[in-house]
């Protein structure tokens, strides 16, 4: 996760140059602050 270990995120981008950008587009490296995780959290709360 980018907010916990940005160094490991950079290493992941270097090791997986094709997969990492796609995961980044859907918030794979910022899961807990992503739109889809927040939507599930809010719907569960309601």
ModelCIF file with pLDDT and N, C-alpha, C, O atoms, coordinates in Angstrom:
data_MODEL
#
_entry.id   MODEL 
#
_entity.id                         1 
_entity.type                       polymer 
_entity.pdbx_number_of_molecules   1 
#
_entity_poly.entity_id                      1 
_entity_poly.type                           'polypeptide(L)' 
_entity_poly.nstd_linkage                   no 
_entity_poly.nstd_monomer                   no 
_entity_poly.pdbx_seq_one_letter_code       
;(UNK)(UNK)(UNK)(UNK)(UNK)(UNK)(UNK)(UNK)(UNK)(UNK)(UNK)(UNK)(UNK)(UNK)(UNK)(UNK)
(UNK)(UNK)(UNK)(UNK)(UNK)(UNK)(UNK)(UNK)(UNK)(UNK)(UNK)(UNK)(UNK)(UNK)(UNK)(UNK)
(UNK)(UNK)(UNK)(UNK)(UNK)(UNK)(UNK)(UNK)(UNK)(UNK)(UNK)(UNK)(UNK)(UNK)
;
_entity_poly.pdbx_seq_one_letter_code_can   XXXXXXXXXXXXXXXXXXXXXXXXXXXXXXXXXXXXXXXXXXXXXX 
_entity_poly.pdbx_strand_id                 A 
#
loop_
_entity_poly_seq.entity_id 
_entity_poly_seq.num 
_entity_poly_seq.mon_id 
_entity_poly_seq.hetero 
1 1  UNK n 
1 2  UNK n 
1 3  UNK n 
1 4  UNK n 
1 5  UNK n 
1 6  UNK n 
1 7  UNK n 
1 8  UNK n 
1 9  UNK n 
1 10 UNK n 
1 11 UNK n 
1 12 UNK n 
1 13 UNK n 
1 14 UNK n 
1 15 UNK n 
1 16 UNK n 
1 17 UNK n 
1 18 UNK n 
1 19 UNK n 
1 20 UNK n 
1 21 UNK n 
1 22 UNK n 
1 23 UNK n 
1 24 UNK n 
1 25 UNK n 
1 26 UNK n 
1 27 UNK n 
1 28 UNK n 
1 29 UNK n 
1 30 UNK n 
1 31 UNK n 
1 32 UNK n 
1 33 UNK n 
1 34 UNK n 
1 35 UNK n 
1 36 UNK n 
1 37 UNK n 
1 38 UNK n 
1 39 UNK n 
1 40 UNK n 
1 41 UNK n 
1 42 UNK n 
1 43 UNK n 
1 44 UNK n 
1 45 UNK n 
1 46 UNK n 
#
_struct_asym.id          A 
_struct_asym.entity_id   1 
#
loop_
_ma_qa_metric.id 
_ma_qa_metric.mode 
_ma_qa_metric.name 
_ma_qa_metric.software_group_id 
_ma_qa_metric.type 
1 global pLDDT . pLDDT 
2 local  pLDDT . pLDDT 
#
_ma_qa_metric_global.metric_id      1 
_ma_qa_metric_global.metric_value   85.57 
_ma_qa_metric_global.model_id       1 
_ma_qa_metric_global.ordinal_id     1 
#
loop_
_ma_qa_metric_local.label_asym_id 
_ma_qa_metric_local.label_comp_id 
_ma_qa_metric_local.label_seq_id 
_ma_qa_metric_local.metric_id 
_ma_qa_metric_local.metric_value 
_ma_qa_metric_local.model_id 
_ma_qa_metric_local.ordinal_id 
A UNK 1  2 84.00 1 1  
A UNK 2  2 79.00 1 2  
A UNK 3  2 70.00 1 3  
A UNK 4  2 69.00 1 4  
A UNK 5  2 71.00 1 5  
A UNK 6  2 73.00 1 6  
A UNK 7  2 70.00 1 7  
A UNK 8  2 82.00 1 8  
A UNK 9  2 85.00 1 9  
A UNK 10 2 82.00 1 10 
A UNK 11 2 82.00 1 11 
A UNK 12 2 88.00 1 12 
A UNK 13 2 88.00 1 13 
A UNK 14 2 85.00 1 14 
A UNK 15 2 87.00 1 15 
A UNK 16 2 89.00 1 16 
A UNK 17 2 88.00 1 17 
A UNK 18 2 90.00 1 18 
A UNK 19 2 91.00 1 19 
A UNK 20 2 89.00 1 20 
A UNK 21 2 90.00 1 21 
A UNK 22 2 91.00 1 22 
A UNK 23 2 90.00 1 23 
A UNK 24 2 89.00 1 24 
A UNK 25 2 90.00 1 25 
A UNK 26 2 89.00 1 26 
A UNK 27 2 88.00 1 27 
A UNK 28 2 89.00 1 28 
A UNK 29 2 89.00 1 29 
A UNK 30 2 86.00 1 30 
A UNK 31 2 88.00 1 31 
A UNK 32 2 83.00 1 32 
A UNK 33 2 80.00 1 33 
A UNK 34 2 86.00 1 34 
A UNK 35 2 88.00 1 35 
A UNK 36 2 90.00 1 36 
A UNK 37 2 89.00 1 37 
A UNK 38 2 87.00 1 38 
A UNK 39 2 90.00 1 39 
A UNK 40 2 91.00 1 40 
A UNK 41 2 86.00 1 41 
A UNK 42 2 89.00 1 42 
A UNK 43 2 91.00 1 43 
A UNK 44 2 89.00 1 44 
A UNK 45 2 86.00 1 45 
A UNK 46 2 90.00 1 46 
#
loop_
_atom_site.group_PDB 
_atom_site.id 
_atom_site.type_symbol 
_atom_site.label_atom_id 
_atom_site.label_alt_id 
_atom_site.label_comp_id 
_atom_site.label_asym_id 
_atom_site.label_entity_id 
_atom_site.label_seq_id 
_atom_site.pdbx_PDB_ins_code 
_atom_site.Cartn_x 
_atom_site.Cartn_y 
_atom_site.Cartn_z 
_atom_site.occupancy 
_atom_site.B_iso_or_equiv 
_atom_site.pdbx_formal_charge 
_atom_site.auth_seq_id 
_atom_site.auth_comp_id 
_atom_site.auth_asym_id 
_atom_site.auth_atom_id 
_atom_site.pdbx_PDB_model_num 
ATOM 1   N N  . UNK A 1 1  ? 0.830   -1.192 0.000   1.00 84.00 ? 1  UNK A N  1 
ATOM 2   C CA . UNK A 1 1  ? 0.000   0.000  0.000   1.00 84.00 ? 1  UNK A CA 1 
ATOM 3   C C  . UNK A 1 1  ? 0.875   1.257  0.000   1.00 84.00 ? 1  UNK A C  1 
ATOM 4   O O  . UNK A 1 1  ? 1.877   1.336  0.711   1.00 84.00 ? 1  UNK A O  1 
ATOM 5   N N  . UNK A 1 2  ? 0.479   2.218  -0.800  1.00 79.00 ? 2  UNK A N  1 
ATOM 6   C CA . UNK A 1 2  ? 1.299   3.409  -1.013  1.00 79.00 ? 2  UNK A CA 1 
ATOM 7   C C  . UNK A 1 2  ? 1.440   4.249  0.264   1.00 79.00 ? 2  UNK A C  1 
ATOM 8   O O  . UNK A 1 2  ? 2.489   4.853  0.485   1.00 79.00 ? 2  UNK A O  1 
ATOM 9   N N  . UNK A 1 3  ? 0.415   4.295  1.093   1.00 70.00 ? 3  UNK A N  1 
ATOM 10  C CA . UNK A 1 3  ? 0.495   5.124  2.298   1.00 70.00 ? 3  UNK A CA 1 
ATOM 11  C C  . UNK A 1 3  ? 1.242   4.443  3.432   1.00 70.00 ? 3  UNK A C  1 
ATOM 12  O O  . UNK A 1 3  ? 1.516   5.070  4.455   1.00 70.00 ? 3  UNK A O  1 
ATOM 13  N N  . UNK A 1 4  ? 1.577   3.165  3.266   1.00 69.00 ? 4  UNK A N  1 
ATOM 14  C CA . UNK A 1 4  ? 2.315   2.433  4.300   1.00 69.00 ? 4  UNK A CA 1 
ATOM 15  C C  . UNK A 1 4  ? 3.764   2.194  3.883   1.00 69.00 ? 4  UNK A C  1 
ATOM 16  O O  . UNK A 1 4  ? 4.684   2.450  4.660   1.00 69.00 ? 4  UNK A O  1 
ATOM 17  N N  . UNK A 1 5  ? 3.968   1.706  2.669   1.00 71.00 ? 5  UNK A N  1 
ATOM 18  C CA . UNK A 1 5  ? 5.311   1.384  2.203   1.00 71.00 ? 5  UNK A CA 1 
ATOM 19  C C  . UNK A 1 5  ? 5.459   1.776  0.739   1.00 71.00 ? 5  UNK A C  1 
ATOM 20  O O  . UNK A 1 5  ? 5.318   0.928  -0.142  1.00 71.00 ? 5  UNK A O  1 
ATOM 21  N N  . UNK A 1 6  ? 5.741   3.053  0.465   1.00 73.00 ? 6  UNK A N  1 
ATOM 22  C CA . UNK A 1 6  ? 5.908   3.468  -0.937  1.00 73.00 ? 6  UNK A CA 1 
ATOM 23  C C  . UNK A 1 6  ? 7.094   2.800  -1.615  1.00 73.00 ? 6  UNK A C  1 
ATOM 24  O O  . UNK A 1 6  ? 7.085   2.629  -2.834  1.00 73.00 ? 6  UNK A O  1 
ATOM 25  N N  . UNK A 1 7  ? 8.136   2.410  -0.838  1.00 70.00 ? 7  UNK A N  1 
ATOM 26  C CA . UNK A 1 7  ? 9.280   1.746  -1.445  1.00 70.00 ? 7  UNK A CA 1 
ATOM 27  C C  . UNK A 1 7  ? 8.885   0.411  -2.053  1.00 70.00 ? 7  UNK A C  1 
ATOM 28  O O  . UNK A 1 7  ? 9.320   0.068  -3.152  1.00 70.00 ? 7  UNK A O  1 
ATOM 29  N N  . UNK A 1 8  ? 8.046   -0.351 -1.323  1.00 82.00 ? 8  UNK A N  1 
ATOM 30  C CA . UNK A 1 8  ? 7.610   -1.638 -1.857  1.00 82.00 ? 8  UNK A CA 1 
ATOM 31  C C  . UNK A 1 8  ? 6.697   -1.466 -3.067  1.00 82.00 ? 8  UNK A C  1 
ATOM 32  O O  . UNK A 1 8  ? 6.675   -2.312 -3.962  1.00 82.00 ? 8  UNK A O  1 
ATOM 33  N N  . UNK A 1 9  ? 5.944   -0.369 -3.091  1.00 85.00 ? 9  UNK A N  1 
ATOM 34  C CA . UNK A 1 9  ? 5.118   -0.101 -4.272  1.00 85.00 ? 9  UNK A CA 1 
ATOM 35  C C  . UNK A 1 9  ? 5.998   0.149  -5.478  1.00 85.00 ? 9  UNK A C  1 
ATOM 36  O O  . UNK A 1 9  ? 5.700   -0.341 -6.567  1.00 85.00 ? 9  UNK A O  1 
ATOM 37  N N  . UNK A 1 10 ? 7.087   0.908  -5.309  1.00 82.00 ? 10 UNK A N  1 
ATOM 38  C CA . UNK A 1 10 ? 8.011   1.138  -6.419  1.00 82.00 ? 10 UNK A CA 1 
ATOM 39  C C  . UNK A 1 10 ? 8.676   -0.160 -6.866  1.00 82.00 ? 10 UNK A C  1 
ATOM 40  O O  . UNK A 1 10 ? 8.893   -0.377 -8.058  1.00 82.00 ? 10 UNK A O  1 
ATOM 41  N N  . UNK A 1 11 ? 8.998   -1.020 -5.901  1.00 82.00 ? 11 UNK A N  1 
ATOM 42  C CA . UNK A 1 11 ? 9.573   -2.313 -6.261  1.00 82.00 ? 11 UNK A CA 1 
ATOM 43  C C  . UNK A 1 11 ? 8.576   -3.161 -7.043  1.00 82.00 ? 11 UNK A C  1 
ATOM 44  O O  . UNK A 1 11 ? 8.953   -3.865 -7.980  1.00 82.00 ? 11 UNK A O  1 
ATOM 45  N N  . UNK A 1 12 ? 7.306   -3.093 -6.657  1.00 88.00 ? 12 UNK A N  1 
ATOM 46  C CA . UNK A 1 12 ? 6.282   -3.860 -7.366  1.00 88.00 ? 12 UNK A CA 1 
ATOM 47  C C  . UNK A 1 12 ? 6.141   -3.359 -8.807  1.00 88.00 ? 12 UNK A C  1 
ATOM 48  O O  . UNK A 1 12 ? 5.975   -4.159 -9.728  1.00 88.00 ? 12 UNK A O  1 
ATOM 49  N N  . UNK A 1 13 ? 6.207   -2.047 -9.002  1.00 88.00 ? 13 UNK A N  1 
ATOM 50  C CA . UNK A 1 13 ? 6.142   -1.494 -10.345 1.00 88.00 ? 13 UNK A CA 1 
ATOM 51  C C  . UNK A 1 13 ? 7.335   -1.951 -11.171 1.00 88.00 ? 13 UNK A C  1 
ATOM 52  O O  . UNK A 1 13 ? 7.200   -2.230 -12.363 1.00 88.00 ? 13 UNK A O  1 
ATOM 53  N N  . UNK A 1 14 ? 8.519   -2.029 -10.533 1.00 85.00 ? 14 UNK A N  1 
ATOM 54  C CA . UNK A 1 14 ? 9.707   -2.470 -11.260 1.00 85.00 ? 14 UNK A CA 1 
ATOM 55  C C  . UNK A 1 14 ? 9.644   -3.957 -11.597 1.00 85.00 ? 14 UNK A C  1 
ATOM 56  O O  . UNK A 1 14 ? 10.109  -4.369 -12.659 1.00 85.00 ? 14 UNK A O  1 
ATOM 57  N N  . UNK A 1 15 ? 9.075   -4.762 -10.708 1.00 87.00 ? 15 UNK A N  1 
ATOM 58  C CA . UNK A 1 15 ? 9.001   -6.208 -10.949 1.00 87.00 ? 15 UNK A CA 1 
ATOM 59  C C  . UNK A 1 15 ? 7.851   -6.590 -11.866 1.00 87.00 ? 15 UNK A C  1 
ATOM 60  O O  . UNK A 1 15 ? 7.933   -7.606 -12.555 1.00 87.00 ? 15 UNK A O  1 
ATOM 61  N N  . UNK A 1 16 ? 6.767   -5.791 -11.893 1.00 89.00 ? 16 UNK A N  1 
ATOM 62  C CA . UNK A 1 16 ? 5.590   -6.100 -12.722 1.00 89.00 ? 16 UNK A CA 1 
ATOM 63  C C  . UNK A 1 16 ? 5.210   -4.862 -13.526 1.00 89.00 ? 16 UNK A C  1 
ATOM 64  O O  . UNK A 1 16 ? 4.215   -4.207 -13.216 1.00 89.00 ? 16 UNK A O  1 
ATOM 65  N N  . UNK A 1 17 ? 5.981   -4.536 -14.542 1.00 88.00 ? 17 UNK A N  1 
ATOM 66  C CA . UNK A 1 17 ? 5.722   -3.293 -15.295 1.00 88.00 ? 17 UNK A CA 1 
ATOM 67  C C  . UNK A 1 17 ? 4.403   -3.288 -16.060 1.00 88.00 ? 17 UNK A C  1 
ATOM 68  O O  . UNK A 1 17 ? 3.868   -2.219 -16.353 1.00 88.00 ? 17 UNK A O  1 
ATOM 69  N N  . UNK A 1 18 ? 3.877   -4.453 -16.386 1.00 90.00 ? 18 UNK A N  1 
ATOM 70  C CA . UNK A 1 18 ? 2.612   -4.506 -17.137 1.00 90.00 ? 18 UNK A CA 1 
ATOM 71  C C  . UNK A 1 18 ? 1.394   -4.550 -16.213 1.00 90.00 ? 18 UNK A C  1 
ATOM 72  O O  . UNK A 1 18 ? 0.379   -3.910 -16.488 1.00 90.00 ? 18 UNK A O  1 
ATOM 73  N N  . UNK A 1 19 ? 1.497   -5.304 -15.122 1.00 91.00 ? 19 UNK A N  1 
ATOM 74  C CA . UNK A 1 19 ? 0.352   -5.485 -14.233 1.00 91.00 ? 19 UNK A CA 1 
ATOM 75  C C  . UNK A 1 19 ? 0.165   -4.312 -13.284 1.00 91.00 ? 19 UNK A C  1 
ATOM 76  O O  . UNK A 1 19 ? -0.968  -3.931 -12.993 1.00 91.00 ? 19 UNK A O  1 
ATOM 77  N N  . UNK A 1 20 ? 1.267   -3.729 -12.795 1.00 89.00 ? 20 UNK A N  1 
ATOM 78  C CA . UNK A 1 20 ? 1.169   -2.689 -11.772 1.00 89.00 ? 20 UNK A CA 1 
ATOM 79  C C  . UNK A 1 20 ? 0.352   -1.477 -12.215 1.00 89.00 ? 20 UNK A C  1 
ATOM 80  O O  . UNK A 1 20 ? -0.473  -1.012 -11.429 1.00 89.00 ? 20 UNK A O  1 
ATOM 81  N N  . UNK A 1 21 ? 0.528   -0.928 -13.442 1.00 90.00 ? 21 UNK A N  1 
ATOM 82  C CA . UNK A 1 21 ? -0.304  0.229  -13.825 1.00 90.00 ? 21 UNK A CA 1 
ATOM 83  C C  . UNK A 1 21 ? -1.790  -0.082 -13.855 1.00 90.00 ? 21 UNK A C  1 
ATOM 84  O O  . UNK A 1 21 ? -2.606  0.775  -13.514 1.00 90.00 ? 21 UNK A O  1 
ATOM 85  N N  . UNK A 1 22 ? -2.151  -1.284 -14.253 1.00 91.00 ? 22 UNK A N  1 
ATOM 86  C CA . UNK A 1 22 ? -3.574  -1.648 -14.272 1.00 91.00 ? 22 UNK A CA 1 
ATOM 87  C C  . UNK A 1 22 ? -4.134  -1.751 -12.858 1.00 91.00 ? 22 UNK A C  1 
ATOM 88  O O  . UNK A 1 22 ? -5.255  -1.312 -12.600 1.00 91.00 ? 22 UNK A O  1 
ATOM 89  N N  . UNK A 1 23 ? -3.362  -2.326 -11.943 1.00 90.00 ? 23 UNK A N  1 
ATOM 90  C CA . UNK A 1 23 ? -3.820  -2.393 -10.559 1.00 90.00 ? 23 UNK A CA 1 
ATOM 91  C C  . UNK A 1 23 ? -3.919  -0.994 -9.953  1.00 90.00 ? 23 UNK A C  1 
ATOM 92  O O  . UNK A 1 23 ? -4.798  -0.722 -9.135  1.00 90.00 ? 23 UNK A O  1 
ATOM 93  N N  . UNK A 1 24 ? -3.012  -0.115 -10.363 1.00 89.00 ? 24 UNK A N  1 
ATOM 94  C CA . UNK A 1 24 ? -3.036  1.244  -9.833  1.00 89.00 ? 24 UNK A CA 1 
ATOM 95  C C  . UNK A 1 24 ? -4.268  2.003  -10.306 1.00 89.00 ? 24 UNK A C  1 
ATOM 96  O O  . UNK A 1 24 ? -4.779  2.862  -9.588  1.00 89.00 ? 24 UNK A O  1 
ATOM 97  N N  . UNK A 1 25 ? -4.749  1.696  -11.501 1.00 90.00 ? 25 UNK A N  1 
ATOM 98  C CA . UNK A 1 25 ? -5.934  2.375  -12.025 1.00 90.00 ? 25 UNK A CA 1 
ATOM 99  C C  . UNK A 1 25 ? -7.184  2.054  -11.220 1.00 90.00 ? 25 UNK A C  1 
ATOM 100 O O  . UNK A 1 25 ? -8.082  2.889  -11.112 1.00 90.00 ? 25 UNK A O  1 
ATOM 101 N N  . UNK A 1 26 ? -7.252  0.862  -10.657 1.00 89.00 ? 26 UNK A N  1 
ATOM 102 C CA . UNK A 1 26 ? -8.437  0.472  -9.879  1.00 89.00 ? 26 UNK A CA 1 
ATOM 103 C C  . UNK A 1 26 ? -8.196  0.626  -8.378  1.00 89.00 ? 26 UNK A C  1 
ATOM 104 O O  . UNK A 1 26 ? -8.993  0.153  -7.568  1.00 89.00 ? 26 UNK A O  1 
ATOM 105 N N  . UNK A 1 27 ? -7.093  1.289  -8.006  1.00 88.00 ? 27 UNK A N  1 
ATOM 106 C CA . UNK A 1 27 ? -6.831  1.544  -6.586  1.00 88.00 ? 27 UNK A CA 1 
ATOM 107 C C  . UNK A 1 27 ? -6.246  0.376  -5.844  1.00 88.00 ? 27 UNK A C  1 
ATOM 108 O O  . UNK A 1 27 ? -6.451  0.254  -4.636  1.00 88.00 ? 27 UNK A O  1 
ATOM 109 N N  . UNK A 1 28 ? -5.516  -0.497 -6.529  1.00 89.00 ? 28 UNK A N  1 
ATOM 110 C CA . UNK A 1 28 ? -4.950  -1.663 -5.869  1.00 89.00 ? 28 UNK A CA 1 
ATOM 111 C C  . UNK A 1 28 ? -3.888  -1.337 -4.850  1.00 89.00 ? 28 UNK A C  1 
ATOM 112 O O  . UNK A 1 28 ? -3.649  -2.132 -3.941  1.00 89.00 ? 28 UNK A O  1 
ATOM 113 N N  . UNK A 1 29 ? -3.227  -0.170 -4.974  1.00 89.00 ? 29 UNK A N  1 
ATOM 114 C CA . UNK A 1 29 ? -2.196  0.229  -4.023  1.00 89.00 ? 29 UNK A CA 1 
ATOM 115 C C  . UNK A 1 29 ? -2.702  1.271  -3.027  1.00 89.00 ? 29 UNK A C  1 
ATOM 116 O O  . UNK A 1 29 ? -1.934  1.763  -2.200  1.00 89.00 ? 29 UNK A O  1 
ATOM 117 N N  . UNK A 1 30 ? -3.970  1.602  -3.101  1.00 86.00 ? 30 UNK A N  1 
ATOM 118 C CA . UNK A 1 30 ? -4.637  2.482  -2.130  1.00 86.00 ? 30 UNK A CA 1 
ATOM 119 C C  . UNK A 1 30 ? -6.026  1.912  -1.847  1.00 86.00 ? 30 UNK A C  1 
ATOM 120 O O  . UNK A 1 30 ? -7.036  2.600  -1.992  1.00 86.00 ? 30 UNK A O  1 
ATOM 121 N N  . UNK A 1 31 ? -6.056  0.642  -1.441  1.00 88.00 ? 31 UNK A N  1 
ATOM 122 C CA . UNK A 1 31 ? -7.325  -0.087 -1.325  1.00 88.00 ? 31 UNK A CA 1 
ATOM 123 C C  . UNK A 1 31 ? -8.270  0.587  -0.347  1.00 88.00 ? 31 UNK A C  1 
ATOM 124 O O  . UNK A 1 31 ? -9.434  0.822  -0.669  1.00 88.00 ? 31 UNK A O  1 
ATOM 125 N N  . UNK A 1 32 ? -7.782  0.898  0.841   1.00 83.00 ? 32 UNK A N  1 
ATOM 126 C CA . UNK A 1 32 ? -8.668  1.347  1.910   1.00 83.00 ? 32 UNK A CA 1 
ATOM 127 C C  . UNK A 1 32 ? -9.120  2.789  1.750   1.00 83.00 ? 32 UNK A C  1 
ATOM 128 O O  . UNK A 1 32 ? -9.978  3.253  2.501   1.00 83.00 ? 32 UNK A O  1 
ATOM 129 N N  . UNK A 1 33 ? -8.565  3.497  0.796   1.00 80.00 ? 33 UNK A N  1 
ATOM 130 C CA . UNK A 1 33 ? -9.046  4.846  0.484   1.00 80.00 ? 33 UNK A CA 1 
ATOM 131 C C  . UNK A 1 33 ? -9.638  4.924  -0.918  1.00 80.00 ? 33 UNK A C  1 
ATOM 132 O O  . UNK A 1 33 ? -9.906  6.017  -1.418  1.00 80.00 ? 33 UNK A O  1 
ATOM 133 N N  . UNK A 1 34 ? -9.844  3.772  -1.557  1.00 86.00 ? 34 UNK A N  1 
ATOM 134 C CA . UNK A 1 34 ? -10.400 3.749  -2.909  1.00 86.00 ? 34 UNK A CA 1 
ATOM 135 C C  . UNK A 1 34 ? -11.904 4.004  -2.877  1.00 86.00 ? 34 UNK A C  1 
ATOM 136 O O  . UNK A 1 34 ? -12.551 3.880  -1.837  1.00 86.00 ? 34 UNK A O  1 
ATOM 137 N N  . UNK A 1 35 ? -12.440 4.363  -4.036  1.00 88.00 ? 35 UNK A N  1 
ATOM 138 C CA . UNK A 1 35 ? -13.868 4.677  -4.132  1.00 88.00 ? 35 UNK A CA 1 
ATOM 139 C C  . UNK A 1 35 ? -14.709 3.430  -3.889  1.00 88.00 ? 35 UNK A C  1 
ATOM 140 O O  . UNK A 1 35 ? -15.705 3.479  -3.166  1.00 88.00 ? 35 UNK A O  1 
ATOM 141 N N  . UNK A 1 36 ? -14.311 2.319  -4.489  1.00 90.00 ? 36 UNK A N  1 
ATOM 142 C CA . UNK A 1 36 ? -15.137 1.110  -4.379  1.00 90.00 ? 36 UNK A CA 1 
ATOM 143 C C  . UNK A 1 36 ? -15.121 0.551  -2.956  1.00 90.00 ? 36 UNK A C  1 
ATOM 144 O O  . UNK A 1 36 ? -16.147 0.044  -2.501  1.00 90.00 ? 36 UNK A O  1 
ATOM 145 N N  . UNK A 1 37 ? -13.995 0.623  -2.234  1.00 89.00 ? 37 UNK A N  1 
ATOM 146 C CA . UNK A 1 37 ? -13.983 0.149  -0.852  1.00 89.00 ? 37 UNK A CA 1 
ATOM 147 C C  . UNK A 1 37 ? -14.822 1.068  0.032   1.00 89.00 ? 37 UNK A C  1 
ATOM 148 O O  . UNK A 1 37 ? -15.556 0.599  0.901   1.00 89.00 ? 37 UNK A O  1 
ATOM 149 N N  . UNK A 1 38 ? -14.712 2.378  -0.194  1.00 87.00 ? 38 UNK A N  1 
ATOM 150 C CA . UNK A 1 38 ? -15.516 3.322  0.584   1.00 87.00 ? 38 UNK A CA 1 
ATOM 151 C C  . UNK A 1 38 ? -17.006 3.140  0.316   1.00 87.00 ? 38 UNK A C  1 
ATOM 152 O O  . UNK A 1 38 ? -17.827 3.297  1.219   1.00 87.00 ? 38 UNK A O  1 
ATOM 153 N N  . UNK A 1 39 ? -17.358 2.802  -0.948  1.00 90.00 ? 39 UNK A N  1 
ATOM 154 C CA . UNK A 1 39 ? -18.776 2.586  -1.281  1.00 90.00 ? 39 UNK A CA 1 
ATOM 155 C C  . UNK A 1 39 ? -19.328 1.378  -0.533  1.00 90.00 ? 39 UNK A C  1 
ATOM 156 O O  . UNK A 1 39 ? -20.435 1.438  0.004   1.00 90.00 ? 39 UNK A O  1 
ATOM 157 N N  . UNK A 1 40 ? -18.574 0.283  -0.491  1.00 91.00 ? 40 UNK A N  1 
ATOM 158 C CA . UNK A 1 40 ? -19.029 -0.907 0.245   1.00 91.00 ? 40 UNK A CA 1 
ATOM 159 C C  . UNK A 1 40 ? -19.152 -0.592 1.733   1.00 91.00 ? 40 UNK A C  1 
ATOM 160 O O  . UNK A 1 40 ? -20.112 -1.003 2.386   1.00 91.00 ? 40 UNK A O  1 
ATOM 161 N N  . UNK A 1 41 ? -18.190 0.126  2.253   1.00 86.00 ? 41 UNK A N  1 
ATOM 162 C CA . UNK A 1 41 ? -18.190 0.488  3.672   1.00 86.00 ? 41 UNK A CA 1 
ATOM 163 C C  . UNK A 1 41 ? -19.411 1.337  4.009   1.00 86.00 ? 41 UNK A C  1 
ATOM 164 O O  . UNK A 1 41 ? -20.088 1.094  5.009   1.00 86.00 ? 41 UNK A O  1 
ATOM 165 N N  . UNK A 1 42 ? -19.687 2.326  3.175   1.00 89.00 ? 42 UNK A N  1 
ATOM 166 C CA . UNK A 1 42 ? -20.816 3.227  3.429   1.00 89.00 ? 42 UNK A CA 1 
ATOM 167 C C  . UNK A 1 42 ? -22.148 2.494  3.282   1.00 89.00 ? 42 UNK A C  1 
ATOM 168 O O  . UNK A 1 42 ? -23.055 2.698  4.088   1.00 89.00 ? 42 UNK A O  1 
ATOM 169 N N  . UNK A 1 43 ? -22.275 1.647  2.267   1.00 91.00 ? 43 UNK A N  1 
ATOM 170 C CA . UNK A 1 43 ? -23.519 0.892  2.083   1.00 91.00 ? 43 UNK A CA 1 
ATOM 171 C C  . UNK A 1 43 ? -23.756 -0.058 3.248   1.00 91.00 ? 43 UNK A C  1 
ATOM 172 O O  . UNK A 1 43 ? -24.892 -0.218 3.694   1.00 91.00 ? 43 UNK A O  1 
ATOM 173 N N  . UNK A 1 44 ? -22.703 -0.685 3.742   1.00 89.00 ? 44 UNK A N  1 
ATOM 174 C CA . UNK A 1 44 ? -22.853 -1.567 4.898   1.00 89.00 ? 44 UNK A CA 1 
ATOM 175 C C  . UNK A 1 44 ? -23.310 -0.767 6.123   1.00 89.00 ? 44 UNK A C  1 
ATOM 176 O O  . UNK A 1 44 ? -24.161 -1.220 6.889   1.00 89.00 ? 44 UNK A O  1 
ATOM 177 N N  . UNK A 1 45 ? -22.748 0.396  6.292   1.00 86.00 ? 45 UNK A N  1 
ATOM 178 C CA . UNK A 1 45 ? -23.128 1.258  7.411   1.00 86.00 ? 45 UNK A CA 1 
ATOM 179 C C  . UNK A 1 45 ? -24.612 1.620  7.327   1.00 86.00 ? 45 UNK A C  1 
ATOM 180 O O  . UNK A 1 45 ? -25.331 1.521  8.322   1.00 86.00 ? 45 UNK A O  1 
ATOM 181 N N  . UNK A 1 46 ? -25.071 2.037  6.149   1.00 90.00 ? 46 UNK A N  1 
ATOM 182 C CA . UNK A 1 46 ? -26.475 2.422  5.972   1.00 90.00 ? 46 UNK A CA 1 
ATOM 183 C C  . UNK A 1 46 ? -27.383 1.207  6.138   1.00 90.00 ? 46 UNK A C  1 
ATOM 184 O O  . UNK A 1 46 ? -28.603 1.327  6.025   1.00 90.00 ? 46 UNK A O  1 
#
